[in-house]
Amino acid sequence: MLPAMNTQTGSSRIRPLLLPLLIGIVAILPVSAVLAGKSDHIEARELLRRGEIVPLAQILEVVAHRVPGDVIEVELERDDGVWEYKVKVLTATGRVRKLTLDARNGAVLKIKDD
C-alpha cells in the first residue's frame, strides 16, 4: 500500500523518516557500501583507510549545504583516474539534482539537473 500523500505539500508521511534512516544506514555501513561488486567494497575501504577518499558522511554534509533535499542515490566511481562521488538529491520542489564531488577532498565539481 502506498503512503498517504499530503495534498497541499505533496509530501508523504514517510519523508520525515528518510533522513534518520539514511543517517542510520551511513552509521552502520562502511563507505564502501556505495560500490557494487564483492571486491569493490574492499577497495573502497582501503581507499578510505589510506586517506585517498573522504568518508561518505562528510560528502553528505557538503551535499546538504549545497543542494538541500533527500539523497536518493550515491555512487563512488573512478573517472579518468580520479575517484568521484555522484550523489542524486530530490529537492523540495520535486527536481532531481546530481552532484559530482571529488572523493579526495569533497569539493563539488559539478551540479546538474538529472
Protein backbone atom coordinates (compact mmCIF):
# COMPACT_ATOMS: atom_id res chain seq x y z
CA MET A 1 0.00 0.00 0.00
CA LEU A 2 1.33 3.47 -0.88
CA PRO A 3 1.84 6.06 1.87
CA ALA A 4 -0.81 8.73 2.26
CA MET A 5 0.10 11.93 0.46
CA ASN A 6 -0.40 15.42 1.85
CA THR A 7 -2.34 17.08 -0.97
CA GLN A 8 -1.18 20.58 -0.03
CA THR A 9 2.58 19.91 0.04
CA GLY A 10 2.81 16.70 -1.98
CA SER A 11 4.92 15.10 0.76
CA SER A 12 4.22 11.76 2.35
CA ARG A 13 4.32 10.67 5.96
CA ILE A 14 7.45 8.70 5.09
CA ARG A 15 9.51 11.85 4.26
CA PRO A 16 10.36 12.64 7.94
CA LEU A 17 11.76 9.13 8.29
CA LEU A 18 14.11 9.35 5.31
CA LEU A 19 16.89 11.46 6.86
CA PRO A 20 17.13 9.45 10.12
CA LEU A 21 17.03 6.25 8.07
CA LEU A 22 19.81 7.48 5.79
CA ILE A 23 21.91 8.56 8.77
CA GLY A 24 21.38 5.16 10.36
CA ILE A 25 22.44 3.37 7.20
CA VAL A 26 25.53 5.56 6.88
CA ALA A 27 26.41 4.87 10.50
CA ILE A 28 26.26 1.09 10.19
CA LEU A 29 27.59 0.60 6.68
CA PRO A 30 31.11 1.36 5.55
CA VAL A 31 31.64 3.95 2.83
CA SER A 32 32.37 1.07 0.52
CA ALA A 33 28.71 0.06 0.59
CA VAL A 34 28.09 2.57 -2.20
CA LEU A 35 30.05 0.36 -4.56
CA ALA A 36 28.68 -2.72 -6.23
CA GLY A 37 30.56 -5.98 -6.50
CA LYS A 38 32.35 -8.14 -3.99
CA SER A 39 35.87 -6.72 -4.41
CA ASP A 40 34.80 -3.08 -4.87
CA HIS A 41 33.84 -2.65 -1.22
CA ILE A 42 37.24 -3.93 -0.15
CA GLU A 43 38.93 -1.42 -2.45
CA ALA A 44 36.77 1.45 -1.16
CA ARG A 45 37.56 0.57 2.45
CA GLU A 46 41.26 0.54 1.60
CA LEU A 47 40.99 3.90 -0.19
CA LEU A 48 39.32 5.36 2.90
CA ARG A 49 41.93 3.84 5.23
CA ARG A 50 44.77 5.30 3.14
CA GLY A 51 43.11 8.71 3.10
CA GLU A 52 42.57 8.71 -0.67
CA ILE A 53 38.83 9.35 -0.28
CA VAL A 54 36.83 11.12 2.41
CA PRO A 55 34.04 9.36 4.34
CA LEU A 56 30.53 9.32 2.93
CA ALA A 57 29.25 11.22 5.99
CA GLN A 58 31.48 14.17 5.04
CA ILE A 59 30.21 14.07 1.46
CA LEU A 60 26.58 14.08 2.65
CA GLU A 61 27.26 17.19 4.77
CA VAL A 62 28.64 19.05 1.74
CA VAL A 63 25.69 17.94 -0.37
CA ALA A 64 23.15 19.05 2.26
CA HIS A 65 24.66 22.55 2.30
CA ARG A 66 24.81 22.90 -1.48
CA VAL A 67 21.53 21.24 -2.51
CA PRO A 68 19.03 20.70 0.31
CA GLY A 69 16.72 17.75 -0.12
CA ASP A 70 16.60 13.98 0.20
CA VAL A 71 19.57 11.95 -1.01
CA ILE A 72 18.18 9.22 -3.24
CA GLU A 73 21.35 7.70 -4.72
CA VAL A 74 25.09 7.67 -4.04
CA GLU A 75 27.82 6.16 -6.20
CA LEU A 76 31.60 6.08 -5.90
CA GLU A 77 33.21 5.88 -9.33
CA ARG A 78 36.62 6.31 -10.87
CA ASP A 79 36.60 8.76 -13.79
CA ASP A 80 39.86 9.30 -15.70
CA GLY A 81 41.83 8.00 -12.72
CA VAL A 82 40.06 10.29 -10.21
CA TRP A 83 37.62 8.96 -7.60
CA GLU A 84 34.29 10.81 -7.56
CA TYR A 85 31.15 10.60 -5.51
CA LYS A 86 27.99 11.05 -7.57
CA VAL A 87 25.01 11.98 -5.44
CA LYS A 88 21.39 12.42 -6.57
CA VAL A 89 19.17 14.67 -4.46
CA LEU A 90 15.40 15.06 -4.65
CA THR A 91 14.70 18.71 -3.83
CA ALA A 92 11.61 20.05 -2.06
CA THR A 93 10.30 21.23 -5.46
CA GLY A 94 10.50 17.70 -6.86
CA ARG A 95 13.59 18.29 -9.01
CA VAL A 96 16.34 15.71 -9.06
CA ARG A 97 19.81 17.27 -8.97
CA LYS A 98 23.02 15.32 -9.49
CA LEU A 99 26.20 16.45 -7.75
CA THR A 100 29.65 15.22 -8.65
CA LEU A 101 32.23 15.62 -5.88
CA ASP A 102 35.94 14.96 -5.75
CA ALA A 103 36.23 11.94 -3.45
CA ARG A 104 39.69 13.05 -2.25
CA ASN A 105 38.52 16.26 -0.61
CA GLY A 106 34.73 16.62 -1.02
CA ALA A 107 34.98 19.56 -3.42
CA VAL A 108 31.90 19.99 -5.60
CA LEU A 109 32.92 19.51 -9.23
CA LYS A 110 29.53 19.76 -10.90
CA ILE A 111 25.84 20.22 -10.14
CA LYS A 112 23.27 19.47 -12.81
CA ASP A 113 19.63 18.57 -13.20
CA ASP A 114 19.12 14.89 -13.83
